[in-house]
C-alpha atoms as a PDB file:
ATOM      1  CA  MET A   1     -14.000 136.302 -61.103  1.00  0.00           C
ATOM      2  CA  ASP A   2     -16.102 135.607 -58.099  1.00  0.00           C
ATOM      3  CA  GLU A   3     -19.974 134.954 -58.233  1.00  0.00           C
ATOM      4  CA  SER A   4     -20.495 138.869 -58.155  1.00  0.00           C
ATOM      5  CA  GLY A   5     -18.064 139.443 -61.116  1.00  0.00           C
ATOM      6  CA  TYR A   6     -15.124 140.750 -58.900  1.00  0.00           C
ATOM      7  CA  PRO A   7     -11.592 139.612 -59.468  1.00  0.00           C
ATOM      8  CA  THR A   8     -10.530 136.979 -56.992  1.00  0.00           C
ATOM      9  CA  GLU A   9      -7.499 137.227 -54.799  1.00  0.00           C
ATOM     10  CA  LYS A  10      -6.041 134.430 -57.042  1.00  0.00           C
ATOM     11  CA  GLU A  11      -6.410 136.531 -60.191  1.00  0.00           C
ATOM     12  CA  LEU A  12      -4.983 139.630 -58.452  1.00  0.00           C
ATOM     13  CA  THR A  13      -2.035 137.574 -57.369  1.00  0.00           C
ATOM     14  CA  LYS A  14      -1.488 136.294 -60.787  1.00  0.00           C
ATOM     15  CA  ILE A  15      -1.335 140.028 -61.994  1.00  0.00           C
ATOM     16  CA  ARG A  16       1.235 140.962 -59.178  1.00  0.00           C
ATOM     17  CA  GLU A  17       3.371 137.945 -60.090  1.00  0.00           C
ATOM     18  CA  TRP A  18       3.166 138.261 -63.858  1.00  0.00           C
ATOM     19  CA  ASP A  19       6.292 137.691 -65.907  1.00  0.00           C
ATOM     20  CA  PRO A  20       7.720 141.277 -66.252  1.00  0.00           C
ATOM     21  CA  LEU A  21       8.837 140.511 -69.757  1.00  0.00           C
ATOM     22  CA  ASP A  22       5.408 139.609 -71.028  1.00  0.00           C
ATOM     23  CA  ALA A  23       3.594 143.055 -71.007  1.00  0.00           C
ATOM     24  CA  ASP A  24       1.318 142.031 -73.886  1.00  0.00           C
ATOM     25  CA  GLY A  25       0.139 138.998 -72.002  1.00  0.00           C
ATOM     26  CA  LEU A  26      -0.536 140.956 -68.840  1.00  0.00           C
ATOM     27  CA  ILE A  27      -2.460 143.504 -70.823  1.00  0.00           C
ATOM     28  CA  ASP A  28      -4.642 140.790 -72.460  1.00  0.00           C
ATOM     29  CA  TYR A  29      -5.219 139.244 -69.110  1.00  0.00           C
ATOM     30  CA  VAL A  30      -6.186 142.526 -67.484  1.00  0.00           C
ATOM     31  CA  GLU A  31      -8.661 143.228 -70.322  1.00  0.00           C
ATOM     32  CA  SER A  32     -10.251 139.874 -69.753  1.00  0.00           C
ATOM     33  CA  LEU A  33     -10.946 140.773 -66.068  1.00  0.00           C
ATOM     34  CA  TRP A  34     -11.851 144.455 -66.787  1.00  0.00           C
ATOM     35  CA  ARG A  35     -15.523 145.366 -66.092  1.00  0.00           C
ATOM     36  CA  TYR A  36     -16.821 147.988 -68.727  1.00  0.00           C
ATOM     37  CA  ALA A  37     -13.852 147.075 -71.068  1.00  0.00           C
ATOM     38  CA  ASP A  38     -15.990 148.339 -73.988  1.00  0.00           C
ATOM     39  CA  TRP A  39     -15.280 151.914 -72.929  1.00  0.00           C
ATOM     40  CA  GLY A  40     -12.833 151.648 -69.976  1.00  0.00           C
ATOM     41  CA  PHE A  41     -10.093 149.754 -71.643  1.00  0.00           C
ATOM     42  CA  ILE A  42      -8.459 151.369 -74.765  1.00  0.00           C
ATOM     43  CA  ARG A  43      -5.259 150.094 -76.251  1.00  0.00           C
ATOM     44  CA  ARG A  44      -4.044 151.758 -79.382  1.00  0.00           C
ATOM     45  CA  GLY A  45      -0.613 150.686 -80.339  1.00  0.00           C
ATOM     46  CA  ASP A  46       1.880 151.332 -77.591  1.00  0.00           C
ATOM     47  CA  ARG A  47      -0.701 153.340 -75.499  1.00  0.00           C
ATOM     48  CA  LEU A  48      -3.127 151.988 -72.798  1.00  0.00           C
ATOM     49  CA  THR A  49      -5.860 153.924 -71.128  1.00  0.00           C
ATOM     50  CA  LEU A  50      -7.812 152.545 -68.222  1.00  0.00           C
ATOM     51  CA  HIS A  51     -10.987 154.045 -66.714  1.00  0.00           C
ATOM     52  CA  THR A  52     -12.261 152.287 -63.641  1.00  0.00           C
ATOM     53  CA  GLY A  53     -15.845 153.657 -63.958  1.00  0.00           C
ATOM     54  CA  GLY A  54     -15.793 153.929 -60.263  1.00  0.00           C
ATOM     55  CA  TRP A  55     -16.066 149.962 -59.912  1.00  0.00           C
ATOM     56  CA  SER A  56     -14.099 148.652 -56.957  1.00  0.00           C
ATOM     57  CA  GLY A  57     -13.181 145.529 -58.897  1.00  0.00           C
ATOM     58  CA  ASN A  58     -11.460 147.458 -61.396  1.00  0.00           C
ATOM     59  CA  GLU A  59      -9.805 149.496 -58.552  1.00  0.00           C
ATOM     60  CA  ASP A  60      -8.557 146.268 -57.124  1.00  0.00           C
ATOM     61  CA  ILE A  61      -6.931 145.393 -60.452  1.00  0.00           C
ATOM     62  CA  ILE A  62      -5.193 148.832 -60.541  1.00  0.00           C
ATOM     63  CA  GLY A  63      -3.956 148.214 -57.111  1.00  0.00           C
ATOM     64  CA  ALA A  64      -2.466 144.795 -58.354  1.00  0.00           C
ATOM     65  CA  LEU A  65      -0.907 146.428 -61.311  1.00  0.00           C
ATOM     66  CA  GLU A  66       0.763 149.174 -59.229  1.00  0.00           C
ATOM     67  CA  SER A  67       3.142 146.627 -57.698  1.00  0.00           C
ATOM     68  CA  THR A  68       4.436 145.456 -61.094  1.00  0.00           C
ATOM     69  CA  LEU A  69       7.256 146.304 -63.244  1.00  0.00           C
ATOM     70  CA  PHE A  70       4.882 146.992 -65.991  1.00  0.00           C
ATOM     71  CA  TRP A  71       3.453 149.844 -63.968  1.00  0.00           C
ATOM     72  CA  GLN A  72       6.970 151.094 -62.995  1.00  0.00           C
ATOM     73  CA  LEU A  73       8.080 151.215 -66.628  1.00  0.00           C
ATOM     74  CA  SER A  74       4.872 152.198 -68.547  1.00  0.00           C
ATOM     75  CA  TRP A  75       2.613 154.353 -66.240  1.00  0.00           C
ATOM     76  CA  GLU A  76       2.480 157.899 -67.456  1.00  0.00           C
ATOM     77  CA  LYS A  77      -0.307 159.557 -65.311  1.00  0.00           C
ATOM     78  CA  SER A  78      -3.254 159.071 -63.245  1.00  0.00           C
ATOM     79  CA  THR A  79      -6.112 161.582 -62.524  1.00  0.00           C
ATOM     80  CA  ARG A  80      -8.645 161.848 -59.985  1.00  0.00           C
ATOM     81  CA  GLY A  81     -11.724 159.626 -60.764  1.00  0.00           C
ATOM     82  CA  GLY A  82     -10.014 156.314 -61.816  1.00  0.00           C
ATOM     83  CA  HIS A  83      -8.255 157.378 -65.041  1.00  0.00           C
ATOM     84  CA  TYR A  84      -4.775 155.889 -65.806  1.00  0.00           C
ATOM     85  CA  TRP A  85      -2.487 156.296 -69.029  1.00  0.00           C
ATOM     86  CA  PHE A  86       0.368 154.078 -69.801  1.00  0.00           C
ATOM     87  CA  LYS A  87       3.039 154.147 -72.687  1.00  0.00           C
ATOM     88  CA  ILE A  88       3.778 150.412 -73.164  1.00  0.00           C
ATOM     89  CA  ILE A  89       7.398 149.370 -73.203  1.00  0.00           C
ATOM     90  CA  ALA A  90       7.832 146.912 -76.054  1.00  0.00           C
ATOM     91  CA  SER A  91      10.869 145.204 -74.523  1.00  0.00           C
ATOM     92  CA  ILE A  92      13.509 145.218 -71.770  1.00  0.00           C
ATOM     93  CA  GLU A  93      17.069 144.450 -72.495  1.00  0.00           C
ATOM     94  CA  PHE A  94      19.659 143.805 -69.873  1.00  0.00           C
ATOM     95  CA  ALA A  95      23.382 143.169 -70.114  1.00  0.00           C
ATOM     96  CA  PRO A  96      24.269 139.546 -69.220  1.00  0.00           C
ATOM     97  CA  GLY A  97      24.113 139.229 -65.551  1.00  0.00           C
ATOM     98  CA  ASP A  98      22.370 142.448 -65.016  1.00  0.00           C
ATOM     99  CA  SER A  99      18.795 141.224 -64.909  1.00  0.00           C
ATOM    100  CA  PRO A 100      16.999 142.094 -61.753  1.00  0.00           C
ATOM    101  CA  PHE A 101      14.864 138.934 -62.052  1.00  0.00           C
END
């Protein structure tokens, strides 16, 4: 985080480049950066709900997440006002030679 508490470009790049097979690690990392996590970051089992609270730093984190395989596989819906819902995929299995990584 920078001196104002915003995620740095290095932290956002780390999200964008996160190992796509480590959803739990990514979620933990995002939580460590999330402003207002006490009410805007809710994980219950395989469900994750994020509320940005209108804070642009959280919106930057969402922007970085949107470019990840996690987002492609887990995103369920978004609503106006910075609200996002995910169903976390526990694992990804590929046939030998079929992995896109």
